[in-house]
Amino acid sequence: MIVLKLGNAVLVNTAPIVKAAHTIDMTSPRLQFDGSATGTQKLTRNCQQNAPCLEFNAAGNHYKIDEGENAQATLTITKMDADRIEGDFSADIIALEGKLAIQKGHFAVTVK
């Protein structure tokens, strides 16, 4: 896991545990968010900007979140202390094979 904190922006690159029942192995997520926000943050699909975002790479395929009119991509910090941030996220993802959703995604990072 790689965590970089620049002011309030927290950039996280990690490999999540994916249960065997899932049909996709998302091995290289990029999750970026405001580490001081107390409410729900809207995630965008472009992680090249200094804004909350979510992207995945898996088996050579690149997935970005759907920003369609009815699509939702959000992140909420649920626990924060001096060196640990935990939260939940969800997003509709666009892939070449169609659309899939991440529901009840959870993250926990230690910031040093």
PDB file of N, CA and C in Angstrom:
ATOM      1  N   MET A   1       0.836  -1.171   0.000  1.00  0.00           N
ATOM      2  CA  MET A   1       0.000   0.000   0.000  1.00  0.00           C
ATOM      3  C   MET A   1       0.882   1.235   0.000  1.00  0.00           C
ATOM      4  N   ILE A   2       0.528   2.198  -0.838  1.00  0.00           N
ATOM      5  CA  ILE A   2       1.252   3.454  -0.886  1.00  0.00           C
ATOM      6  C   ILE A   2       0.279   4.565  -0.538  1.00  0.00           C
ATOM      7  N   VAL A   3       0.631   5.363   0.460  1.00  0.00           N
ATOM      8  CA  VAL A   3      -0.216   6.470   0.871  1.00  0.00           C
ATOM      9  C   VAL A   3       0.610   7.738   0.833  1.00  0.00           C
ATOM     10  N   LEU A   4       0.083   8.750   0.181  1.00  0.00           N
ATOM     11  CA  LEU A   4       0.759  10.035   0.095  1.00  0.00           C
ATOM     12  C   LEU A   4      -0.206  11.097   0.564  1.00  0.00           C
ATOM     13  N   LYS A   5       0.201  11.894   1.530  1.00  0.00           N
ATOM     14  CA  LYS A   5      -0.659  12.951   2.040  1.00  0.00           C
ATOM     15  C   LYS A   5      -0.024  14.293   1.698  1.00  0.00           C
ATOM     16  N   LEU A   6      -0.762  15.098   0.933  1.00  0.00           N
ATOM     17  CA  LEU A   6      -0.328  16.434   0.559  1.00  0.00           C
ATOM     18  C   LEU A   6      -1.369  17.413   1.079  1.00  0.00           C
ATOM     19  N   GLY A   7      -1.093  18.030   2.209  1.00  0.00           N
ATOM     20  CA  GLY A   7      -2.109  18.870   2.835  1.00  0.00           C
ATOM     21  C   GLY A   7      -3.273  18.004   3.248  1.00  0.00           C
ATOM     22  N   ASN A   8      -4.457  18.308   2.746  1.00  0.00           N
ATOM     23  CA  ASN A   8      -5.636  17.503   3.049  1.00  0.00           C
ATOM     24  C   ASN A   8      -5.883  16.406   2.036  1.00  0.00           C
ATOM     25  N   ALA A   9      -5.198  16.454   0.892  1.00  0.00           N
ATOM     26  CA  ALA A   9      -5.411  15.444  -0.140  1.00  0.00           C
ATOM     27  C   ALA A   9      -4.665  14.170   0.226  1.00  0.00           C
ATOM     28  N   VAL A  10      -5.347  13.055   0.146  1.00  0.00           N
ATOM     29  CA  VAL A  10      -4.748  11.759   0.428  1.00  0.00           C
ATOM     30  C   VAL A  10      -4.850  10.914  -0.830  1.00  0.00           C
ATOM     31  N   LEU A  11      -3.720  10.434  -1.316  1.00  0.00           N
ATOM     32  CA  LEU A  11      -3.684   9.578  -2.497  1.00  0.00           C
ATOM     33  C   LEU A  11      -3.343   8.168  -2.045  1.00  0.00           C
ATOM     34  N   VAL A  12      -4.187   7.213  -2.401  1.00  0.00           N
ATOM     35  CA  VAL A  12      -4.005   5.834  -1.954  1.00  0.00           C
ATOM     36  C   VAL A  12      -3.916   4.923  -3.168  1.00  0.00           C
ATOM     37  N   ASN A  13      -2.874   4.119  -3.235  1.00  0.00           N
ATOM     38  CA  ASN A  13      -2.763   3.058  -4.237  1.00  0.00           C
ATOM     39  C   ASN A  13      -2.585   1.747  -3.476  1.00  0.00           C
ATOM     40  N   THR A  14      -3.505   0.822  -3.664  1.00  0.00           N
ATOM     41  CA  THR A  14      -3.448  -0.426  -2.925  1.00  0.00           C
ATOM     42  C   THR A  14      -4.138  -1.536  -3.710  1.00  0.00           C
ATOM     43  N   ALA A  15      -3.890  -2.765  -3.344  1.00  0.00           N
ATOM     44  CA  ALA A  15      -4.563  -3.909  -3.962  1.00  0.00           C
ATOM     45  C   ALA A  15      -5.577  -4.459  -2.971  1.00  0.00           C
ATOM     46  N   PRO A  16      -6.873  -4.361  -3.273  1.00  0.00           N
ATOM     47  CA  PRO A  16      -7.883  -4.816  -2.321  1.00  0.00           C
ATOM     48  C   PRO A  16      -8.044  -6.326  -2.347  1.00  0.00           C
ATOM     49  N   ILE A  17      -8.646  -6.840  -1.315  1.00  0.00           N
ATOM     50  CA  ILE A  17      -9.021  -8.256  -1.281  1.00  0.00           C
ATOM     51  C   ILE A  17     -10.355  -8.384  -2.014  1.00  0.00           C
ATOM     52  N   VAL A  18     -10.400  -9.243  -3.013  1.00  0.00           N
ATOM     53  CA  VAL A  18     -11.620  -9.449  -3.792  1.00  0.00           C
ATOM     54  C   VAL A  18     -12.103 -10.869  -3.532  1.00  0.00           C
ATOM     55  N   LYS A  19     -13.333 -11.007  -3.071  1.00  0.00           N
ATOM     56  CA  LYS A  19     -13.877 -12.323  -2.765  1.00  0.00           C
ATOM     57  C   LYS A  19     -14.007 -13.152  -4.034  1.00  0.00           C
ATOM     58  N   ALA A  20     -13.872 -14.462  -3.889  1.00  0.00           N
ATOM     59  CA  ALA A  20     -13.864 -15.373  -5.042  1.00  0.00           C
ATOM     60  C   ALA A  20     -15.157 -15.316  -5.845  1.00  0.00           C
ATOM     61  N   ALA A  21     -16.264 -14.973  -5.232  1.00  0.00           N
ATOM     62  CA  ALA A  21     -17.543 -14.942  -5.932  1.00  0.00           C
ATOM     63  C   ALA A  21     -17.629 -13.792  -6.942  1.00  0.00           C
ATOM     64  N   HIS A  22     -16.741 -12.829  -6.836  1.00  0.00           N
ATOM     65  CA  HIS A  22     -16.781 -11.698  -7.756  1.00  0.00           C
ATOM     66  C   HIS A  22     -16.177 -12.086  -9.106  1.00  0.00           C
ATOM     67  N   THR A  23     -16.633 -11.441 -10.148  1.00  0.00           N
ATOM     68  CA  THR A  23     -16.192 -11.814 -11.487  1.00  0.00           C
ATOM     69  C   THR A  23     -15.038 -10.970 -12.000  1.00  0.00           C
ATOM     70  N   ILE A  24     -14.587 -10.000 -11.227  1.00  0.00           N
ATOM     71  CA  ILE A  24     -13.497  -9.144 -11.681  1.00  0.00           C
ATOM     72  C   ILE A  24     -12.468  -9.000 -10.575  1.00  0.00           C
ATOM     73  N   ASP A  25     -11.221  -9.067 -10.954  1.00  0.00           N
ATOM     74  CA  ASP A  25     -10.124  -8.901 -10.003  1.00  0.00           C
ATOM     75  C   ASP A  25      -9.531  -7.519 -10.249  1.00  0.00           C
ATOM     76  N   MET A  26      -9.906  -6.564  -9.422  1.00  0.00           N
ATOM     77  CA  MET A  26      -9.410  -5.204  -9.589  1.00  0.00           C
ATOM     78  C   MET A  26      -8.127  -5.061  -8.796  1.00  0.00           C
ATOM     79  N   THR A  27      -7.008  -5.178  -9.481  1.00  0.00           N
ATOM     80  CA  THR A  27      -5.730  -5.297  -8.794  1.00  0.00           C
ATOM     81  C   THR A  27      -5.017  -3.981  -8.548  1.00  0.00           C
ATOM     82  N   SER A  28      -5.358  -2.932  -9.266  1.00  0.00           N
ATOM     83  CA  SER A  28      -4.633  -1.679  -9.101  1.00  0.00           C
ATOM     84  C   SER A  28      -5.575  -0.489  -9.011  1.00  0.00           C
ATOM     85  N   PRO A  29      -6.215  -0.314  -7.856  1.00  0.00           N
ATOM     86  CA  PRO A  29      -7.099   0.843  -7.736  1.00  0.00           C
ATOM     87  C   PRO A  29      -6.321   2.111  -7.422  1.00  0.00           C
ATOM     88  N   ARG A  30      -6.870   3.214  -7.814  1.00  0.00           N
ATOM     89  CA  ARG A  30      -6.337   4.508  -7.423  1.00  0.00           C
ATOM     90  C   ARG A  30      -7.498   5.272  -6.795  1.00  0.00           C
ATOM     91  N   LEU A  31      -7.356   5.590  -5.544  1.00  0.00           N
ATOM     92  CA  LEU A  31      -8.396   6.272  -4.788  1.00  0.00           C
ATOM     93  C   LEU A  31      -7.787   7.537  -4.214  1.00  0.00           C
ATOM     94  N   GLN A  32      -8.387   8.657  -4.520  1.00  0.00           N
ATOM     95  CA  GLN A  32      -7.874   9.943  -4.057  1.00  0.00           C
ATOM     96  C   GLN A  32      -9.035  10.691  -3.409  1.00  0.00           C
ATOM     97  N   PHE A  33      -8.781  11.278  -2.221  1.00  0.00           N
ATOM     98  CA  PHE A  33      -9.867  11.953  -1.517  1.00  0.00           C
ATOM     99  C   PHE A  33      -9.323  13.008  -0.574  1.00  0.00           C
ATOM    100  N   ASP A  34     -10.216  13.855  -0.083  1.00  0.00           N
ATOM    101  CA  ASP A  34      -9.866  14.896   0.875  1.00  0.00           C
ATOM    102  C   ASP A  34      -9.842  14.271   2.264  1.00  0.00           C
ATOM    103  N   GLY A  35      -8.661  14.182   2.851  1.00  0.00           N
ATOM    104  CA  GLY A  35      -8.494  13.503   4.129  1.00  0.00           C
ATOM    105  C   GLY A  35      -9.033  14.255   5.324  1.00  0.00           C
ATOM    106  N   SER A  36      -9.567  15.456   5.138  1.00  0.00           N
ATOM    107  CA  SER A  36     -10.123  16.216   6.263  1.00  0.00           C
ATOM    108  C   SER A  36     -11.630  16.402   6.159  1.00  0.00           C
ATOM    109  N   ALA A  37     -12.240  15.919   5.083  1.00  0.00           N
ATOM    110  CA  ALA A  37     -13.674  16.129   4.869  1.00  0.00           C
ATOM    111  C   ALA A  37     -14.497  15.265   5.814  1.00  0.00           C
ATOM    112  N   THR A  38     -15.563  15.833   6.346  1.00  0.00           N
ATOM    113  CA  THR A  38     -16.418  15.087   7.272  1.00  0.00           C
ATOM    114  C   THR A  38     -17.686  14.564   6.610  1.00  0.00           C
ATOM    115  N   GLY A  39     -18.057  15.092   5.465  1.00  0.00           N
ATOM    116  CA  GLY A  39     -19.271  14.644   4.782  1.00  0.00           C
ATOM    117  C   GLY A  39     -18.960  13.689   3.653  1.00  0.00           C
ATOM    118  N   THR A  40     -19.925  13.496   2.790  1.00  0.00           N
ATOM    119  CA  THR A  40     -19.778  12.626   1.628  1.00  0.00           C
ATOM    120  C   THR A  40     -19.112  13.390   0.494  1.00  0.00           C
ATOM    121  N   GLN A  41     -18.124  12.766  -0.133  1.00  0.00           N
ATOM    122  CA  GLN A  41     -17.413  13.372  -1.255  1.00  0.00           C
ATOM    123  C   GLN A  41     -17.837  12.697  -2.551  1.00  0.00           C
ATOM    124  N   LYS A  42     -18.057  13.490  -3.590  1.00  0.00           N
ATOM    125  CA  LYS A  42     -18.363  12.947  -4.903  1.00  0.00           C
ATOM    126  C   LYS A  42     -17.043  12.604  -5.589  1.00  0.00           C
ATOM    127  N   LEU A  43     -16.929  11.386  -6.099  1.00  0.00           N
ATOM    128  CA  LEU A  43     -15.728  10.945  -6.788  1.00  0.00           C
ATOM    129  C   LEU A  43     -15.873  11.195  -8.280  1.00  0.00           C
ATOM    130  N   THR A  44     -14.825  11.720  -8.898  1.00  0.00           N
ATOM    131  CA  THR A  44     -14.818  11.900 -10.339  1.00  0.00           C
ATOM    132  C   THR A  44     -14.027  10.771 -10.972  1.00  0.00           C
ATOM    133  N   ARG A  45     -14.018  10.708 -12.286  1.00  0.00           N
ATOM    134  CA  ARG A  45     -13.326   9.628 -12.982  1.00  0.00           C
ATOM    135  C   ARG A  45     -11.926  10.015 -13.425  1.00  0.00           C
ATOM    136  N   ASN A  46     -11.505  11.253 -13.195  1.00  0.00           N
ATOM    137  CA  ASN A  46     -10.206  11.711 -13.670  1.00  0.00           C
ATOM    138  C   ASN A  46      -9.258  11.927 -12.498  1.00  0.00           C
ATOM    139  N   CYS A  47      -8.346  10.990 -12.280  1.00  0.00           N
ATOM    140  CA  CYS A  47      -7.404  11.108 -11.169  1.00  0.00           C
ATOM    141  C   CYS A  47      -6.185  11.966 -11.521  1.00  0.00           C
ATOM    142  N   GLN A  48      -6.183  12.585 -12.689  1.00  0.00           N
ATOM    143  CA  GLN A  48      -5.075  13.470 -13.051  1.00  0.00           C
ATOM    144  C   GLN A  48      -5.255  14.851 -12.439  1.00  0.00           C
ATOM    145  N   GLN A  49      -6.414  15.114 -11.869  1.00  0.00           N
ATOM    146  CA  GLN A  49      -6.675  16.390 -11.227  1.00  0.00           C
ATOM    147  C   GLN A  49      -6.561  16.223  -9.726  1.00  0.00           C
ATOM    148  N   ASN A  50      -6.410  17.339  -9.013  1.00  0.00           N
ATOM    149  CA  ASN A  50      -6.303  17.297  -7.555  1.00  0.00           C
ATOM    150  C   ASN A  50      -7.708  17.346  -6.957  1.00  0.00           C
ATOM    151  N   ALA A  51      -8.450  16.247  -7.141  1.00  0.00           N
ATOM    152  CA  ALA A  51      -9.826  16.164  -6.656  1.00  0.00           C
ATOM    153  C   ALA A  51     -10.132  14.713  -6.302  1.00  0.00           C
ATOM    154  N   PRO A  52     -11.147  14.482  -5.470  1.00  0.00           N
ATOM    155  CA  PRO A  52     -11.511  13.103  -5.149  1.00  0.00           C
ATOM    156  C   PRO A  52     -11.852  12.314  -6.413  1.00  0.00           C
ATOM    157  N   CYS A  53     -11.299  11.100  -6.537  1.00  0.00           N
ATOM    158  CA  CYS A  53     -11.511  10.305  -7.741  1.00  0.00           C
ATOM    159  C   CYS A  53     -11.310   8.829  -7.448  1.00  0.00           C
ATOM    160  N   LEU A  54     -11.675   7.999  -8.426  1.00  0.00           N
ATOM    161  CA  LEU A  54     -11.511   6.554  -8.316  1.00  0.00           C
ATOM    162  C   LEU A  54     -11.280   5.987  -9.709  1.00  0.00           C
ATOM    163  N   GLU A  55     -10.223   5.198  -9.867  1.00  0.00           N
ATOM    164  CA  GLU A  55      -9.922   4.504 -11.118  1.00  0.00           C
ATOM    165  C   GLU A  55      -9.411   3.110 -10.777  1.00  0.00           C
ATOM    166  N   PHE A  56      -9.605   2.172 -11.697  1.00  0.00           N
ATOM    167  CA  PHE A  56      -9.084   0.819 -11.526  1.00  0.00           C
ATOM    168  C   PHE A  56      -8.387   0.364 -12.792  1.00  0.00           C
ATOM    169  N   ASN A  57      -7.355  -0.462 -12.621  1.00  0.00           N
ATOM    170  CA  ASN A  57      -6.735  -1.206 -13.714  1.00  0.00           C
ATOM    171  C   ASN A  57      -6.813  -2.672 -13.323  1.00  0.00           C
ATOM    172  N   ALA A  58      -7.179  -3.515 -14.263  1.00  0.00           N
ATOM    173  CA  ALA A  58      -7.266  -4.945 -13.973  1.00  0.00           C
ATOM    174  C   ALA A  58      -6.952  -5.740 -15.227  1.00  0.00           C
ATOM    175  N   ALA A  59      -6.000  -6.625 -15.129  1.00  0.00           N
ATOM    176  CA  ALA A  59      -5.635  -7.529 -16.221  1.00  0.00           C
ATOM    177  C   ALA A  59      -5.477  -6.769 -17.541  1.00  0.00           C
ATOM    178  N   GLY A  60      -4.842  -5.620 -17.484  1.00  0.00           N
ATOM    179  CA  GLY A  60      -4.589  -4.844 -18.683  1.00  0.00           C
ATOM    180  C   GLY A  60      -5.751  -3.977 -19.125  1.00  0.00           C
ATOM    181  N   ASN A  61      -6.890  -4.068 -18.449  1.00  0.00           N
ATOM    182  CA  ASN A  61      -8.050  -3.249 -18.786  1.00  0.00           C
ATOM    183  C   ASN A  61      -8.150  -2.078 -17.815  1.00  0.00           C
ATOM    184  N   HIS A  62      -8.604  -0.946 -18.324  1.00  0.00           N
ATOM    185  CA  HIS A  62      -8.736   0.245 -17.501  1.00  0.00           C
ATOM    186  C   HIS A  62     -10.217   0.547 -17.293  1.00  0.00           C
ATOM    187  N   TYR A  63     -10.600   0.782 -16.055  1.00  0.00           N
ATOM    188  CA  TYR A  63     -11.984   1.052 -15.707  1.00  0.00           C
ATOM    189  C   TYR A  63     -12.065   2.436 -15.073  1.00  0.00           C
ATOM    190  N   LYS A  64     -13.034   3.227 -15.509  1.00  0.00           N
ATOM    191  CA  LYS A  64     -13.258   4.527 -14.888  1.00  0.00           C
ATOM    192  C   LYS A  64     -14.705   4.600 -14.425  1.00  0.00           C
ATOM    193  N   ILE A  65     -14.955   5.438 -13.436  1.00  0.00           N
ATOM    194  CA  ILE A  65     -16.311   5.527 -12.920  1.00  0.00           C
ATOM    195  C   ILE A  65     -17.225   6.213 -13.929  1.00  0.00           C
ATOM    196  N   ASP A  66     -18.475   5.829 -13.865  1.00  0.00           N
ATOM    197  CA  ASP A  66     -19.493   6.396 -14.738  1.00  0.00           C
ATOM    198  C   ASP A  66     -19.948   7.734 -14.168  1.00  0.00           C
ATOM    199  N   GLU A  67     -19.920   8.771 -14.990  1.00  0.00           N
ATOM    200  CA  GLU A  67     -20.401  10.077 -14.544  1.00  0.00           C
ATOM    201  C   GLU A  67     -21.708  10.451 -15.249  1.00  0.00           C
ATOM    202  N   GLY A  68     -22.470   9.428 -15.617  1.00  0.00           N
ATOM    203  CA  GLY A  68     -23.759   9.667 -16.246  1.00  0.00           C
ATOM    204  C   GLY A  68     -24.728  10.348 -15.289  1.00  0.00           C
ATOM    205  N   GLU A  69     -25.842  10.798 -15.832  1.00  0.00           N
ATOM    206  CA  GLU A  69     -26.807  11.580 -15.059  1.00  0.00           C
ATOM    207  C   GLU A  69     -27.288  10.867 -13.801  1.00  0.00           C
ATOM    208  N   ASN A  70     -27.518   9.563 -13.880  1.00  0.00           N
ATOM    209  CA  ASN A  70     -28.030   8.810 -12.731  1.00  0.00           C
ATOM    210  C   ASN A  70     -26.956   8.026 -11.984  1.00  0.00           C
ATOM    211  N   ALA A  71     -25.718   8.170 -12.405  1.00  0.00           N
ATOM    212  CA  ALA A  71     -24.634   7.414 -11.767  1.00  0.00           C
ATOM    213  C   ALA A  71     -24.218   8.073 -10.453  1.00  0.00           C
ATOM    214  N   GLN A  72     -23.812   7.251  -9.525  1.00  0.00           N
ATOM    215  CA  GLN A  72     -23.350   7.739  -8.227  1.00  0.00           C
ATOM    216  C   GLN A  72     -21.950   7.219  -7.970  1.00  0.00           C
ATOM    217  N   ALA A  73     -21.087   8.082  -7.511  1.00  0.00           N
ATOM    218  CA  ALA A  73     -19.749   7.671  -7.090  1.00  0.00           C
ATOM    219  C   ALA A  73     -19.397   8.542  -5.894  1.00  0.00           C
ATOM    220  N   THR A  74     -19.410   7.932  -4.723  1.00  0.00           N
ATOM    221  CA  THR A  74     -19.210   8.704  -3.497  1.00  0.00           C
ATOM    222  C   THR A  74     -18.264   8.003  -2.542  1.00  0.00           C
ATOM    223  N   LEU A  75     -17.696   8.791  -1.649  1.00  0.00           N
ATOM    224  CA  LEU A  75     -16.819   8.298  -0.600  1.00  0.00           C
ATOM    225  C   LEU A  75     -17.151   9.054   0.674  1.00  0.00           C
ATOM    226  N   THR A  76     -17.213   8.332   1.787  1.00  0.00           N
ATOM    227  CA  THR A  76     -17.479   8.940   3.083  1.00  0.00           C
ATOM    228  C   THR A  76     -16.462   8.430   4.089  1.00  0.00           C
ATOM    229  N   ILE A  77     -15.789   9.344   4.775  1.00  0.00           N
ATOM    230  CA  ILE A  77     -14.864   8.962   5.843  1.00  0.00           C
ATOM    231  C   ILE A  77     -15.706   8.656   7.077  1.00  0.00           C
ATOM    232  N   THR A  78     -15.527   7.443   7.632  1.00  0.00           N
ATOM    233  CA  THR A  78     -16.322   7.022   8.780  1.00  0.00           C
ATOM    234  C   THR A  78     -15.546   7.079  10.090  1.00  0.00           C
ATOM    235  N   LYS A  79     -14.214   7.068  10.004  1.00  0.00           N
ATOM    236  CA  LYS A  79     -13.398   7.095  11.219  1.00  0.00           C
ATOM    237  C   LYS A  79     -12.078   7.781  10.890  1.00  0.00           C
ATOM    238  N   MET A  80     -11.661   8.696  11.763  1.00  0.00           N
ATOM    239  CA  MET A  80     -10.422   9.411  11.519  1.00  0.00           C
ATOM    240  C   MET A  80      -9.753   9.697  12.865  1.00  0.00           C
ATOM    241  N   ASP A  81      -8.476   9.362  12.960  1.00  0.00           N
ATOM    242  CA  ASP A  81      -7.695   9.781  14.116  1.00  0.00           C
ATOM    243  C   ASP A  81      -6.345  10.282  13.620  1.00  0.00           C
ATOM    244  N   ALA A  82      -5.372  10.395  14.487  1.00  0.00           N
ATOM    245  CA  ALA A  82      -4.106  11.042  14.134  1.00  0.00           C
ATOM    246  C   ALA A  82      -3.394  10.390  12.956  1.00  0.00           C
ATOM    247  N   ASP A  83      -3.440   9.061  12.851  1.00  0.00           N
ATOM    248  CA  ASP A  83      -2.683   8.401  11.789  1.00  0.00           C
ATOM    249  C   ASP A  83      -3.471   7.338  11.025  1.00  0.00           C
ATOM    250  N   ARG A  84      -4.797   7.334  11.161  1.00  0.00           N
ATOM    251  CA  ARG A  84      -5.597   6.316  10.476  1.00  0.00           C
ATOM    252  C   ARG A  84      -6.890   6.943   9.947  1.00  0.00           C
ATOM    253  N   ILE A  85      -7.234   6.575   8.710  1.00  0.00           N
ATOM    254  CA  ILE A  85      -8.472   7.030   8.094  1.00  0.00           C
ATOM    255  C   ILE A  85      -9.204   5.809   7.543  1.00  0.00           C
ATOM    256  N   GLU A  86     -10.487   5.689   7.886  1.00  0.00           N
ATOM    257  CA  GLU A  86     -11.317   4.605   7.366  1.00  0.00           C
ATOM    258  C   GLU A  86     -12.566   5.199   6.736  1.00  0.00           C
ATOM    259  N   GLY A  87     -13.121   4.480   5.770  1.00  0.00           N
ATOM    260  CA  GLY A  87     -14.334   4.970   5.143  1.00  0.00           C
ATOM    261  C   GLY A  87     -14.942   3.977   4.189  1.00  0.00           C
ATOM    262  N   ASP A  88     -16.019   4.412   3.571  1.00  0.00           N
ATOM    263  CA  ASP A  88     -16.755   3.587   2.627  1.00  0.00           C
ATOM    264  C   ASP A  88     -16.882   4.324   1.298  1.00  0.00           C
ATOM    265  N   PHE A  89     -16.977   3.565   0.207  1.00  0.00           N
ATOM    266  CA  PHE A  89     -17.178   4.171  -1.098  1.00  0.00           C
ATOM    267  C   PHE A  89     -18.034   3.257  -1.962  1.00  0.00           C
ATOM    268  N   SER A  90     -18.652   3.857  -2.964  1.00  0.00           N
ATOM    269  CA  SER A  90     -19.416   3.083  -3.946  1.00  0.00           C
ATOM    270  C   SER A  90     -19.334   3.820  -5.268  1.00  0.00           C
ATOM    271  N   ALA A  91     -19.458   3.073  -6.352  1.00  0.00           N
ATOM    272  CA  ALA A  91     -19.361   3.685  -7.675  1.00  0.00           C
ATOM    273  C   ALA A  91     -19.872   2.743  -8.744  1.00  0.00           C
ATOM    274  N   ASP A  92     -20.434   3.334  -9.786  1.00  0.00           N
ATOM    275  CA  ASP A  92     -20.740   2.596 -11.013  1.00  0.00           C
ATOM    276  C   ASP A  92     -19.509   2.715 -11.906  1.00  0.00           C
ATOM    277  N   ILE A  93     -19.049   1.594 -12.452  1.00  0.00           N
ATOM    278  CA  ILE A  93     -17.817   1.552 -13.231  1.00  0.00           C
ATOM    279  C   ILE A  93     -18.146   1.236 -14.688  1.00  0.00           C
ATOM    280  N   ILE A  94     -17.474   1.928 -15.595  1.00  0.00           N
ATOM    281  CA  ILE A  94     -17.615   1.651 -17.019  1.00  0.00           C
ATOM    282  C   ILE A  94     -16.461   0.760 -17.456  1.00  0.00           C
ATOM    283  N   ALA A  95     -16.783  -0.331 -18.126  1.00  0.00           N
ATOM    284  CA  ALA A  95     -15.767  -1.239 -18.645  1.00  0.00           C
ATOM    285  C   ALA A  95     -16.127  -1.566 -20.088  1.00  0.00           C
ATOM    286  N   LEU A  96     -15.181  -2.128 -20.814  1.00  0.00           N
ATOM    287  CA  LEU A  96     -15.448  -2.515 -22.190  1.00  0.00           C
ATOM    288  C   LEU A  96     -16.566  -3.548 -22.266  1.00  0.00           C
ATOM    289  N   GLU A  97     -16.664  -4.390 -21.245  1.00  0.00           N
ATOM    290  CA  GLU A  97     -17.671  -5.451 -21.228  1.00  0.00           C
ATOM    291  C   GLU A  97     -19.042  -4.940 -20.804  1.00  0.00           C
ATOM    292  N   GLY A  98     -19.143  -3.693 -20.406  1.00  0.00           N
ATOM    293  CA  GLY A  98     -20.412  -3.156 -19.919  1.00  0.00           C
ATOM    294  C   GLY A  98     -20.198  -2.363 -18.655  1.00  0.00           C
ATOM    295  N   LYS A  99     -21.173  -2.412 -17.800  1.00  0.00           N
ATOM    296  CA  LYS A  99     -21.149  -1.606 -16.586  1.00  0.00           C
ATOM    297  C   LYS A  99     -21.242  -2.513 -15.368  1.00  0.00           C
ATOM    298  N   LEU A 100     -20.483  -2.191 -14.338  1.00  0.00           N
ATOM    299  CA  LEU A 100     -20.565  -2.925 -13.091  1.00  0.00           C
ATOM    300  C   LEU A 100     -20.563  -1.932 -11.948  1.00  0.00           C
ATOM    301  N   ALA A 101     -20.916  -2.385 -10.779  1.00  0.00           N
ATOM    302  CA  ALA A 101     -21.027  -1.487  -9.633  1.00  0.00           C
ATOM    303  C   ALA A 101     -20.214  -2.011  -8.465  1.00  0.00           C
ATOM    304  N   ILE A 102     -19.634  -1.088  -7.751  1.00  0.00           N
ATOM    305  CA  ILE A 102     -18.981  -1.401  -6.485  1.00  0.00           C
ATOM    306  C   ILE A 102     -19.915  -0.876  -5.407  1.00  0.00           C
ATOM    307  N   GLN A 103     -20.362  -1.768  -4.554  1.00  0.00           N
ATOM    308  CA  GLN A 103     -21.231  -1.364  -3.463  1.00  0.00           C
ATOM    309  C   GLN A 103     -20.581  -1.747  -2.148  1.00  0.00           C
ATOM    310  N   LYS A 104     -20.650  -0.874  -1.198  1.00  0.00           N
ATOM    311  CA  LYS A 104     -20.087  -1.097   0.125  1.00  0.00           C
ATOM    312  C   LYS A 104     -18.601  -1.362   0.083  1.00  0.00           C
ATOM    313  N   GLY A 105     -17.873  -0.647  -0.754  1.00  0.00           N
ATOM    314  CA  GLY A 105     -16.420  -0.729  -0.728  1.00  0.00           C
ATOM    315  C   GLY A 105     -15.923  -0.092   0.562  1.00  0.00           C
ATOM    316  N   HIS A 106     -14.890  -0.644   1.135  1.00  0.00           N
ATOM    317  CA  HIS A 106     -14.362  -0.125   2.404  1.00  0.00           C
ATOM    318  C   HIS A 106     -12.863   0.061   2.274  1.00  0.00           C
ATOM    319  N   PHE A 107     -12.334   1.125   2.859  1.00  0.00           N
ATOM    320  CA  PHE A 107     -10.895   1.320   2.878  1.00  0.00           C
ATOM    321  C   PHE A 107     -10.439   1.699   4.278  1.00  0.00           C
ATOM    322  N   ALA A 108      -9.213   1.351   4.594  1.00  0.00           N
ATOM    323  CA  ALA A 108      -8.588   1.723   5.868  1.00  0.00           C
ATOM    324  C   ALA A 108      -7.116   1.965   5.557  1.00  0.00           C
ATOM    325  N   VAL A 109      -6.634   3.175   5.838  1.00  0.00           N
ATOM    326  CA  VAL A 109      -5.246   3.505   5.544  1.00  0.00           C
ATOM    327  C   VAL A 109      -4.580   4.108   6.772  1.00  0.00           C
ATOM    328  N   THR A 110      -3.296   3.855   6.882  1.00  0.00           N
ATOM    329  CA  THR A 110      -2.480   4.468   7.921  1.00  0.00           C
ATOM    330  C   THR A 110      -1.620   5.521   7.261  1.00  0.00           C
ATOM    331  N   VAL A 111      -1.666   6.733   7.779  1.00  0.00           N
ATOM    332  CA  VAL A 111      -0.916   7.842   7.210  1.00  0.00           C
ATOM    333  C   VAL A 111       0.249   8.157   8.127  1.00  0.00           C
ATOM    334  N   LYS A 112       1.463   8.143   7.568  1.00  0.00           N
ATOM    335  CA  LYS A 112       2.662   8.428   8.373  1.00  0.00           C
ATOM    336  C   LYS A 112       3.314   9.700   7.901  1.00  0.00           C
TER     337      LYS A 112
END
